[in-house]
Amino acid sequence: MPVQFSNRTVQTRKSAQKAQAKFEPEVFRDLLVRHLQALPNQPATQNSNESRYAFFDVVAKKLDELEGETLDFRRYEQQLWEILLCGKLLTPSGSFVDDGADASPFSVFASMQEPVEFKDALKVVEVFHKLIRRYKYLQKGFEENSLKSILQHANKFSEVEVEKLATAAALFVSLGIANPNVVSYVKKDFIVKDGTALRFITIYLRTYLKQETPEHMASSLRRTGNQNLLQFFPPAQQTSNDVATHFTNENLKPVVDFNHSILTSLAREEISTHLTEMFEHEEPHEDVINYIKTSKAKGPLTDNELLPLIWKALVNNVDLQAKPEQASDAIVKQVSTHAEVLESACQTARTEILLINVIQQWHYENTKVMTAFPKVLRTLYSKDVVSIEAVLYWHSKGASPHGKQSFLASTQKLVDFLKEQQAEEDSDEE
């Protein structure tokens, strides 16, 4: 018991001494750099990658030895990561501390080759991976504080330094030692404005895709709320076309496809909500038509994506829980009332047939009011929304396969009537 008490007393005294010790980041830096400079295979004396990589391994082992007994990584965690990432200490504003001290012989800035190569960068990042896996307590401060404080001043670094940081960040995330949300740290207005954020995210995504699948990339961006890539573009380049053009030129098709899906989803949600409100508030048809035209011109939705939104917004306030006859009459009334809007959205034979199929699909999904479909189709024709040719083509070979036979049978009388009318018109012309 006395021995155990004595040990606890010594540990308590050491902890108290450590807590009272003067905070000296420059002293920590000098000691760390001095230890790294004393290692064999210094990169300045090596020409081959094999020798450089051997030096990285020695650095990883040395850092493991230094933690705790020689250097207090926990207390000087921010300074540790600044040195290993940037080679020097940084001021609160993100600039290098200029006091004449030597830079670390190992850091992301000093150790990655120029131009940056993926396999080489991975070797550098493995030093961080080994250290954090060995001392798990370092990870939280690394990803939540150190990376943030450095990346939110990314505009203070050169283009090649930004490239190295972005490459390292992507690999940190891929290896699981940093949160995917690191990309949000460069979304500061002043970093976005000068184009640094765009350079960063471009390199980050290119590197990430060399490690992970496009699906994994998409999930990562969505999960952290960074799916809107427009937020990384300077104010003068914030259109969907700018994003597509940029990433196409960078040969990053998976990013182009992902961005299109995100913009489509955002546009679909916005248009659906706004159109529903316009129909519910009975706003003038001219305003509704202009909004649809503007939305179509703005992109990225196609007719195939836009027409279902228009239809669903139009029938949104129909009570489908009412009796089938009442619900069917309400649907037909909506079509008749807003036929002008539908007609404006269907300016070609293709869009007319597409609209019919959109309505067929909707009735197929809402079986309680399937019997309303023939009445709706007749109303569309009588209001000049769709032509005889469009209806006949739909009935002969253009109908959707969902419930096809049932819908064709229910509209047979209308089709027979239209065929007779068409034959009479042809006869009159002769």
Protein backbone atom coordinates (compact mmCIF):
# COMPACT_ATOMS: atom_id res chain seq x y z
CA MET A 1 0.00 0.00 0.00
CA PRO A 2 2.70 2.61 0.84
CA VAL A 3 4.38 1.94 -2.53
CA GLN A 4 1.15 2.34 -4.43
CA PHE A 5 0.43 5.55 -2.57
CA SER A 6 3.92 6.77 -3.38
CA ASN A 7 3.43 6.05 -7.12
CA ARG A 8 0.14 7.90 -7.17
CA THR A 9 1.75 10.82 -5.41
CA VAL A 10 4.53 10.96 -8.00
CA GLN A 11 2.00 10.77 -10.87
CA THR A 12 -0.06 13.53 -9.28
CA ARG A 13 3.01 15.74 -8.93
CA LYS A 14 3.99 15.11 -12.56
CA SER A 15 0.48 16.01 -13.73
CA ALA A 16 0.54 19.19 -11.65
CA GLN A 17 3.95 20.14 -13.00
CA LYS A 18 2.79 19.54 -16.56
CA ALA A 19 -0.31 21.66 -16.03
CA GLN A 20 1.77 24.51 -14.59
CA ALA A 21 4.45 24.30 -17.29
CA LYS A 22 4.81 27.31 -19.53
CA PHE A 23 3.15 27.02 -22.94
CA GLU A 24 5.98 27.35 -25.48
CA PRO A 25 4.93 26.37 -29.03
CA GLU A 26 8.20 27.63 -30.54
CA VAL A 27 10.21 25.41 -28.20
CA PHE A 28 8.03 22.44 -29.15
CA ARG A 29 8.53 23.22 -32.85
CA ASP A 30 12.31 23.53 -32.52
CA LEU A 31 12.58 20.23 -30.67
CA LEU A 32 10.36 18.37 -33.15
CA VAL A 33 12.16 19.76 -36.20
CA ARG A 34 15.54 19.02 -34.64
CA HIS A 35 14.56 15.38 -34.06
CA LEU A 36 13.33 15.03 -37.64
CA GLN A 37 16.44 16.69 -39.04
CA ALA A 38 18.59 14.13 -37.21
CA LEU A 39 16.96 11.19 -38.98
CA PRO A 40 18.82 9.28 -41.72
CA ASN A 41 17.83 9.38 -45.42
CA GLN A 42 17.02 13.09 -45.37
CA PRO A 43 15.03 13.92 -48.55
CA ALA A 44 17.45 16.69 -49.56
CA THR A 45 20.16 14.04 -50.08
CA GLN A 46 17.95 11.48 -51.87
CA ASN A 47 16.98 11.25 -55.51
CA SER A 48 14.96 8.03 -55.64
CA ASN A 49 11.39 7.57 -54.47
CA GLU A 50 12.46 4.42 -52.68
CA SER A 51 14.80 6.43 -50.45
CA ARG A 52 12.19 9.12 -49.87
CA TYR A 53 9.61 6.54 -48.84
CA ALA A 54 12.17 4.96 -46.49
CA PHE A 55 12.54 8.39 -44.87
CA PHE A 56 8.75 8.62 -44.42
CA ASP A 57 8.79 5.27 -42.61
CA VAL A 58 11.56 6.51 -40.31
CA VAL A 59 9.56 9.68 -39.62
CA ALA A 60 6.50 7.63 -38.63
CA LYS A 61 8.57 5.53 -36.22
CA LYS A 62 10.25 8.59 -34.74
CA LEU A 63 6.96 10.35 -34.11
CA ASP A 64 5.77 7.25 -32.28
CA GLU A 65 8.89 7.35 -30.09
CA LEU A 66 8.65 11.08 -29.36
CA GLU A 67 5.03 11.12 -28.14
CA GLY A 68 4.64 11.37 -24.38
CA GLU A 69 8.11 11.04 -22.90
CA THR A 70 9.97 13.53 -25.13
CA LEU A 71 7.25 15.74 -26.62
CA ASP A 72 3.72 16.45 -25.39
CA PHE A 73 1.62 15.93 -28.51
CA ARG A 74 -1.62 16.33 -26.57
CA ARG A 75 -0.74 19.81 -25.31
CA TYR A 76 0.85 20.97 -28.57
CA GLU A 77 -1.58 19.20 -30.88
CA GLN A 78 -2.34 22.25 -33.04
CA GLN A 79 1.37 22.99 -33.48
CA LEU A 80 2.10 19.34 -34.28
CA TRP A 81 -0.36 19.29 -37.17
CA GLU A 82 0.68 22.71 -38.48
CA ILE A 83 4.27 21.47 -38.69
CA LEU A 84 3.38 18.12 -40.26
CA LEU A 85 0.98 19.67 -42.74
CA CYS A 86 2.63 22.98 -43.59
CA GLY A 87 6.19 22.58 -42.32
CA LYS A 88 6.02 25.65 -40.08
CA LEU A 89 3.89 27.22 -37.39
CA LEU A 90 1.05 29.46 -38.52
CA THR A 91 -0.25 32.74 -37.14
CA PRO A 92 -3.96 33.03 -36.19
CA SER A 93 -4.55 34.65 -39.60
CA GLY A 94 -3.09 31.65 -41.45
CA SER A 95 0.29 33.12 -42.45
CA PHE A 96 3.58 31.40 -41.70
CA VAL A 97 5.31 32.47 -38.48
CA ASP A 98 8.35 34.34 -39.77
CA ASP A 99 10.99 34.03 -37.05
CA GLY A 100 13.79 32.47 -39.04
CA ALA A 101 13.21 28.93 -37.74
CA ASP A 102 13.95 25.95 -39.98
CA ALA A 103 11.06 24.26 -41.71
CA SER A 104 10.37 20.62 -40.96
CA PRO A 105 12.09 18.20 -43.38
CA PHE A 106 8.82 16.29 -43.43
CA SER A 107 5.43 17.86 -44.16
CA VAL A 108 2.70 17.68 -46.76
CA PHE A 109 4.06 20.85 -48.34
CA ALA A 110 7.70 19.71 -48.33
CA SER A 111 7.32 15.99 -48.97
CA MET A 112 4.76 15.68 -51.78
CA GLN A 113 6.30 15.70 -55.21
CA GLU A 114 5.63 18.46 -57.73
CA PRO A 115 3.59 17.93 -59.79
CA VAL A 116 1.57 16.02 -57.24
CA GLU A 117 1.20 12.31 -57.95
CA PHE A 118 -1.43 10.13 -56.31
CA LYS A 119 0.77 7.21 -55.23
CA ASP A 120 3.44 9.54 -53.89
CA ALA A 121 0.88 11.58 -51.96
CA LEU A 122 -0.52 8.41 -50.45
CA LYS A 123 2.92 7.57 -49.04
CA VAL A 124 3.07 10.97 -47.32
CA VAL A 125 -0.43 10.62 -45.88
CA GLU A 126 0.38 7.18 -44.50
CA VAL A 127 2.60 8.90 -41.90
CA PHE A 128 -0.48 10.69 -40.55
CA HIS A 129 -2.51 7.51 -40.75
CA LYS A 130 -0.02 5.55 -38.67
CA LEU A 131 0.28 8.29 -36.05
CA ILE A 132 -3.46 8.74 -35.59
CA ARG A 133 -4.14 5.02 -35.54
CA ARG A 134 -1.47 4.68 -32.84
CA TYR A 135 -2.74 7.62 -30.76
CA LYS A 136 -6.50 7.82 -31.34
CA TYR A 137 -6.88 10.86 -29.09
CA LEU A 138 -5.18 12.94 -31.78
CA GLN A 139 -7.91 12.36 -34.38
CA LYS A 140 -10.66 14.57 -32.97
CA GLY A 141 -8.47 17.65 -32.73
CA PHE A 142 -6.95 16.89 -36.13
CA GLU A 143 -10.22 16.77 -38.06
CA GLU A 144 -12.27 19.26 -36.03
CA ASN A 145 -9.70 21.94 -35.18
CA SER A 146 -6.37 21.70 -36.96
CA LEU A 147 -7.59 20.95 -40.47
CA LYS A 148 -10.32 23.55 -40.08
CA SER A 149 -7.95 26.31 -38.92
CA ILE A 150 -5.61 25.60 -41.83
CA LEU A 151 -8.17 25.10 -44.61
CA GLN A 152 -10.21 28.17 -43.70
CA HIS A 153 -7.11 30.20 -44.61
CA ALA A 154 -6.40 28.25 -47.80
CA ASN A 155 -6.24 31.47 -49.81
CA LYS A 156 -3.00 32.34 -47.98
CA PHE A 157 -1.17 29.44 -49.64
CA SER A 158 0.23 29.08 -53.16
CA GLU A 159 -1.64 27.12 -55.84
CA VAL A 160 0.65 24.12 -55.48
CA GLU A 161 0.24 24.19 -51.69
CA VAL A 162 -3.54 24.26 -52.10
CA GLU A 163 -3.22 21.30 -54.48
CA LYS A 164 -1.22 19.37 -51.87
CA LEU A 165 -3.68 20.22 -49.09
CA ALA A 166 -6.67 19.17 -51.21
CA THR A 167 -4.95 15.93 -52.20
CA ALA A 168 -4.06 15.16 -48.59
CA ALA A 169 -7.58 16.04 -47.37
CA ALA A 170 -9.17 13.62 -49.84
CA LEU A 171 -6.84 10.85 -48.72
CA PHE A 172 -7.41 11.64 -45.04
CA VAL A 173 -11.15 11.23 -45.59
CA SER A 174 -10.76 8.09 -47.69
CA LEU A 175 -8.55 6.51 -45.02
CA GLY A 176 -11.05 7.38 -42.29
CA ILE A 177 -8.91 9.76 -40.24
CA ALA A 178 -10.85 12.90 -41.19
CA ASN A 179 -14.52 13.74 -41.55
CA PRO A 180 -15.83 14.29 -45.11
CA ASN A 181 -17.07 17.66 -43.92
CA VAL A 182 -13.50 19.04 -44.26
CA VAL A 183 -14.49 20.41 -47.69
CA SER A 184 -16.91 22.82 -46.03
CA TYR A 185 -13.98 24.64 -44.41
CA VAL A 186 -13.07 26.28 -47.73
CA LYS A 187 -16.58 27.67 -48.32
CA LYS A 188 -15.68 30.99 -46.70
CA ASP A 189 -16.74 33.92 -48.89
CA PHE A 190 -13.20 35.25 -49.37
CA ILE A 191 -11.88 31.78 -50.33
CA VAL A 192 -14.73 31.21 -52.78
CA LYS A 193 -14.44 34.67 -54.30
CA ASP A 194 -10.82 34.32 -55.43
CA GLY A 195 -11.29 30.82 -56.87
CA THR A 196 -9.31 28.95 -54.20
CA ALA A 197 -12.35 26.95 -53.08
CA LEU A 198 -12.99 25.82 -56.65
CA ARG A 199 -9.37 24.69 -57.11
CA PHE A 200 -9.55 22.87 -53.79
CA ILE A 201 -12.80 20.98 -54.43
CA THR A 202 -11.72 20.05 -57.97
CA ILE A 203 -8.47 18.45 -56.78
CA TYR A 204 -10.21 16.94 -53.75
CA LEU A 205 -12.84 15.20 -55.87
CA ARG A 206 -10.32 14.01 -58.47
CA THR A 207 -8.19 12.44 -55.72
CA TYR A 208 -11.18 11.00 -53.89
CA LEU A 209 -12.41 9.27 -57.04
CA LYS A 210 -9.07 7.50 -57.38
CA GLN A 211 -9.78 5.82 -54.05
CA GLU A 212 -13.56 5.51 -53.97
CA THR A 213 -16.51 4.93 -56.32
CA PRO A 214 -18.70 7.75 -57.69
CA GLU A 215 -21.54 6.42 -55.50
CA HIS A 216 -19.33 6.69 -52.42
CA MET A 217 -18.37 10.24 -53.38
CA ALA A 218 -22.03 11.20 -53.85
CA SER A 219 -22.98 9.71 -50.48
CA SER A 220 -20.12 11.51 -48.77
CA LEU A 221 -21.11 14.91 -50.17
CA ARG A 222 -24.79 14.44 -49.42
CA ARG A 223 -24.19 13.18 -45.89
CA THR A 224 -22.21 16.29 -44.98
CA GLY A 225 -24.48 18.77 -46.74
CA ASN A 226 -21.90 19.68 -49.40
CA GLN A 227 -23.83 18.39 -52.39
CA ASN A 228 -24.45 21.84 -53.87
CA LEU A 229 -21.17 22.35 -55.74
CA LEU A 230 -22.24 25.83 -56.82
CA GLN A 231 -21.23 26.97 -53.34
CA PHE A 232 -17.58 26.42 -54.26
CA PHE A 233 -17.78 28.57 -57.42
CA PRO A 234 -17.00 32.30 -57.54
CA PRO A 235 -20.10 34.53 -57.73
CA ALA A 236 -19.61 35.21 -61.44
CA GLN A 237 -19.68 31.48 -62.25
CA GLN A 238 -22.63 30.22 -60.26
CA THR A 239 -24.87 28.68 -62.92
CA SER A 240 -25.53 25.02 -63.65
CA ASN A 241 -23.80 25.42 -67.02
CA ASP A 242 -20.66 26.79 -65.33
CA VAL A 243 -20.46 23.74 -63.08
CA ALA A 244 -21.00 21.29 -65.94
CA THR A 245 -18.48 23.05 -68.17
CA HIS A 246 -15.81 23.22 -65.49
CA PHE A 247 -15.93 19.59 -64.42
CA THR A 248 -16.28 18.42 -68.03
CA ASN A 249 -13.08 20.30 -68.88
CA GLU A 250 -11.45 18.64 -65.86
CA ASN A 251 -12.46 15.20 -67.18
CA LEU A 252 -14.54 14.52 -64.07
CA LYS A 253 -17.68 13.03 -65.62
CA PRO A 254 -18.83 11.38 -62.36
CA VAL A 255 -18.89 14.85 -60.78
CA VAL A 256 -20.81 16.26 -63.76
CA ASP A 257 -23.38 13.47 -63.45
CA PHE A 258 -23.63 13.91 -59.69
CA ASN A 259 -24.09 17.66 -59.99
CA HIS A 260 -26.80 17.19 -62.61
CA SER A 261 -28.69 14.83 -60.31
CA ILE A 262 -28.42 17.31 -57.43
CA LEU A 263 -29.55 20.29 -59.51
CA THR A 264 -32.37 18.25 -60.94
CA SER A 265 -33.52 17.24 -57.47
CA LEU A 266 -33.34 20.81 -56.17
CA ALA A 267 -35.16 22.18 -59.23
CA ARG A 268 -37.82 19.47 -59.02
CA GLU A 269 -38.52 20.28 -55.38
CA GLU A 270 -38.61 24.03 -55.95
CA ILE A 271 -40.83 23.87 -59.06
CA SER A 272 -43.21 21.35 -57.53
CA THR A 273 -43.70 23.46 -54.41
CA HIS A 274 -44.14 26.73 -56.32
CA LEU A 275 -46.56 25.33 -58.92
CA THR A 276 -48.68 23.69 -56.23
CA GLU A 277 -48.96 27.04 -54.46
CA MET A 278 -49.81 28.85 -57.71
CA PHE A 279 -52.64 26.44 -58.53
CA GLU A 280 -53.96 26.49 -54.96
CA HIS A 281 -53.98 30.30 -54.93
CA GLU A 282 -55.58 30.36 -58.40
CA GLU A 283 -52.96 32.69 -59.77
CA PRO A 284 -53.47 33.92 -63.35
CA HIS A 285 -52.67 31.38 -66.04
CA GLU A 286 -50.32 33.84 -67.66
CA ASP A 287 -48.17 33.91 -64.51
CA VAL A 288 -48.16 30.11 -64.24
CA ILE A 289 -47.22 29.73 -67.91
CA ASN A 290 -44.41 32.27 -67.61
CA TYR A 291 -43.05 30.51 -64.53
CA ILE A 292 -43.02 27.16 -66.35
CA LYS A 293 -41.27 28.67 -69.39
CA THR A 294 -38.68 30.36 -67.20
CA SER A 295 -38.05 27.16 -65.25
CA LYS A 296 -37.63 25.17 -68.44
CA ALA A 297 -35.20 27.70 -69.90
CA LYS A 298 -33.21 27.83 -66.68
CA GLY A 299 -32.79 24.05 -66.62
CA PRO A 300 -31.83 21.40 -65.89
CA LEU A 301 -35.26 19.70 -66.09
CA THR A 302 -36.39 18.19 -69.37
CA ASP A 303 -40.00 17.81 -70.55
CA ASN A 304 -39.97 14.25 -69.21
CA GLU A 305 -39.20 15.62 -65.75
CA LEU A 306 -41.24 18.84 -65.92
CA LEU A 307 -44.61 17.56 -67.18
CA PRO A 308 -45.15 15.15 -64.23
CA LEU A 309 -44.53 18.08 -61.84
CA ILE A 310 -47.10 20.23 -63.63
CA TRP A 311 -49.71 17.48 -63.58
CA LYS A 312 -49.19 16.54 -59.93
CA ALA A 313 -49.32 20.19 -58.86
CA LEU A 314 -52.54 20.67 -60.84
CA VAL A 315 -54.36 17.77 -59.13
CA ASN A 316 -52.68 18.19 -55.75
CA ASN A 317 -55.75 19.72 -54.08
CA VAL A 318 -58.13 17.01 -55.33
CA ASP A 319 -59.41 14.98 -52.39
CA LEU A 320 -58.63 11.42 -53.38
CA GLN A 321 -60.29 10.17 -50.19
CA ALA A 322 -63.67 11.35 -51.43
CA LYS A 323 -66.06 9.05 -53.27
CA PRO A 324 -64.58 7.89 -56.61
CA GLU A 325 -67.23 9.74 -58.63
CA GLN A 326 -66.62 13.00 -56.76
CA ALA A 327 -62.85 12.69 -57.03
CA SER A 328 -63.08 11.90 -60.74
CA ASP A 329 -65.31 14.92 -61.38
CA ALA A 330 -62.86 17.12 -59.45
CA ILE A 331 -59.95 15.91 -61.59
CA VAL A 332 -61.81 16.58 -64.82
CA LYS A 333 -62.76 20.03 -63.54
CA GLN A 334 -59.13 20.84 -62.77
CA VAL A 335 -58.09 19.79 -66.27
CA SER A 336 -60.83 21.85 -67.86
CA THR A 337 -60.06 24.90 -65.70
CA HIS A 338 -56.31 24.83 -66.30
CA ALA A 339 -56.24 23.48 -69.85
CA GLU A 340 -54.50 26.64 -71.02
CA VAL A 341 -51.52 25.86 -68.81
CA LEU A 342 -51.31 22.27 -70.05
CA GLU A 343 -51.65 23.37 -73.67
CA SER A 344 -48.77 25.81 -73.24
CA ALA A 345 -46.55 23.03 -71.89
CA CYS A 346 -47.34 20.74 -74.86
CA GLN A 347 -46.14 22.45 -78.01
CA THR A 348 -45.09 19.33 -79.94
CA ALA A 349 -46.60 15.94 -80.76
CA ARG A 350 -43.97 14.32 -78.56
CA THR A 351 -44.90 16.37 -75.49
CA GLU A 352 -48.62 15.75 -76.11
CA ILE A 353 -48.06 11.99 -76.06
CA LEU A 354 -45.77 12.39 -73.08
CA LEU A 355 -48.47 14.25 -71.16
CA ILE A 356 -51.00 11.50 -71.88
CA ASN A 357 -48.57 8.91 -70.53
CA VAL A 358 -47.87 11.03 -67.45
CA ILE A 359 -51.60 11.15 -66.74
CA GLN A 360 -51.98 7.43 -67.49
CA GLN A 361 -49.18 6.63 -65.00
CA TRP A 362 -50.73 8.84 -62.34
CA HIS A 363 -54.12 7.14 -62.71
CA TYR A 364 -52.40 3.74 -62.62
CA GLU A 365 -50.85 4.69 -59.27
CA ASN A 366 -54.18 6.05 -58.00
CA THR A 367 -56.46 3.13 -58.84
CA LYS A 368 -59.42 4.61 -56.99
CA VAL A 369 -59.87 7.20 -59.76
CA MET A 370 -58.73 5.12 -62.76
CA THR A 371 -62.19 5.49 -64.29
CA ALA A 372 -61.60 9.23 -64.66
CA PHE A 373 -58.90 8.69 -67.28
CA PRO A 374 -61.20 8.49 -70.37
CA LYS A 375 -62.97 11.67 -69.27
CA VAL A 376 -59.64 13.43 -68.72
CA LEU A 377 -58.40 12.37 -72.16
CA ARG A 378 -61.60 13.57 -73.81
CA THR A 379 -61.27 16.92 -71.99
CA LEU A 380 -57.67 17.28 -73.11
CA TYR A 381 -58.79 16.78 -76.71
CA SER A 382 -61.82 19.06 -76.50
CA LYS A 383 -59.70 21.83 -74.96
CA ASP A 384 -57.07 21.52 -77.71
CA VAL A 385 -54.36 20.38 -75.31
CA VAL A 386 -53.72 17.25 -77.38
CA SER A 387 -54.48 16.54 -81.03
CA ILE A 388 -56.36 13.68 -82.67
CA GLU A 389 -53.05 12.38 -84.00
CA ALA A 390 -51.49 12.34 -80.54
CA VAL A 391 -54.41 10.41 -79.02
CA LEU A 392 -54.51 7.87 -81.86
CA TYR A 393 -50.76 7.36 -81.76
CA TRP A 394 -50.87 6.87 -78.00
CA HIS A 395 -53.66 4.32 -78.35
CA SER A 396 -52.04 2.39 -81.20
CA LYS A 397 -48.44 2.11 -80.01
CA GLY A 398 -47.46 4.88 -77.61
CA ALA A 399 -49.17 3.91 -74.36
CA SER A 400 -47.21 3.15 -71.21
CA PRO A 401 -47.09 -0.58 -70.34
CA HIS A 402 -48.48 0.10 -66.85
CA GLY A 403 -52.14 -0.98 -66.96
CA LYS A 404 -51.98 -0.63 -70.71
CA GLN A 405 -54.79 -2.98 -71.70
CA SER A 406 -57.17 -1.52 -69.15
CA PHE A 407 -56.54 2.05 -70.28
CA LEU A 408 -56.79 1.16 -73.97
CA ALA A 409 -60.10 -0.58 -73.40
CA SER A 410 -61.54 2.32 -71.38
CA THR A 411 -60.68 4.82 -74.12
CA GLN A 412 -61.77 2.69 -77.08
CA LYS A 413 -65.05 4.61 -77.57
CA LEU A 414 -63.19 7.92 -77.63
CA VAL A 415 -60.67 6.54 -80.12
CA ASP A 416 -63.43 5.20 -82.40
CA PHE A 417 -65.10 8.61 -82.29
CA LEU A 418 -61.83 10.36 -83.17
CA LYS A 419 -61.15 7.98 -86.03
CA GLU A 420 -64.58 8.70 -87.50
CA GLN A 421 -64.03 12.42 -87.09
CA GLN A 422 -60.64 12.17 -88.76
CA ALA A 423 -62.12 10.19 -91.65
CA GLU A 424 -64.82 12.83 -92.13
CA GLU A 425 -62.22 15.60 -92.15
CA ASP A 426 -60.17 13.71 -94.73
CA SER A 427 -63.29 13.20 -96.85
CA ASP A 428 -64.17 16.91 -96.69
CA GLU A 429 -60.67 17.84 -97.82
CA GLU A 430 -60.98 15.59 -100.86
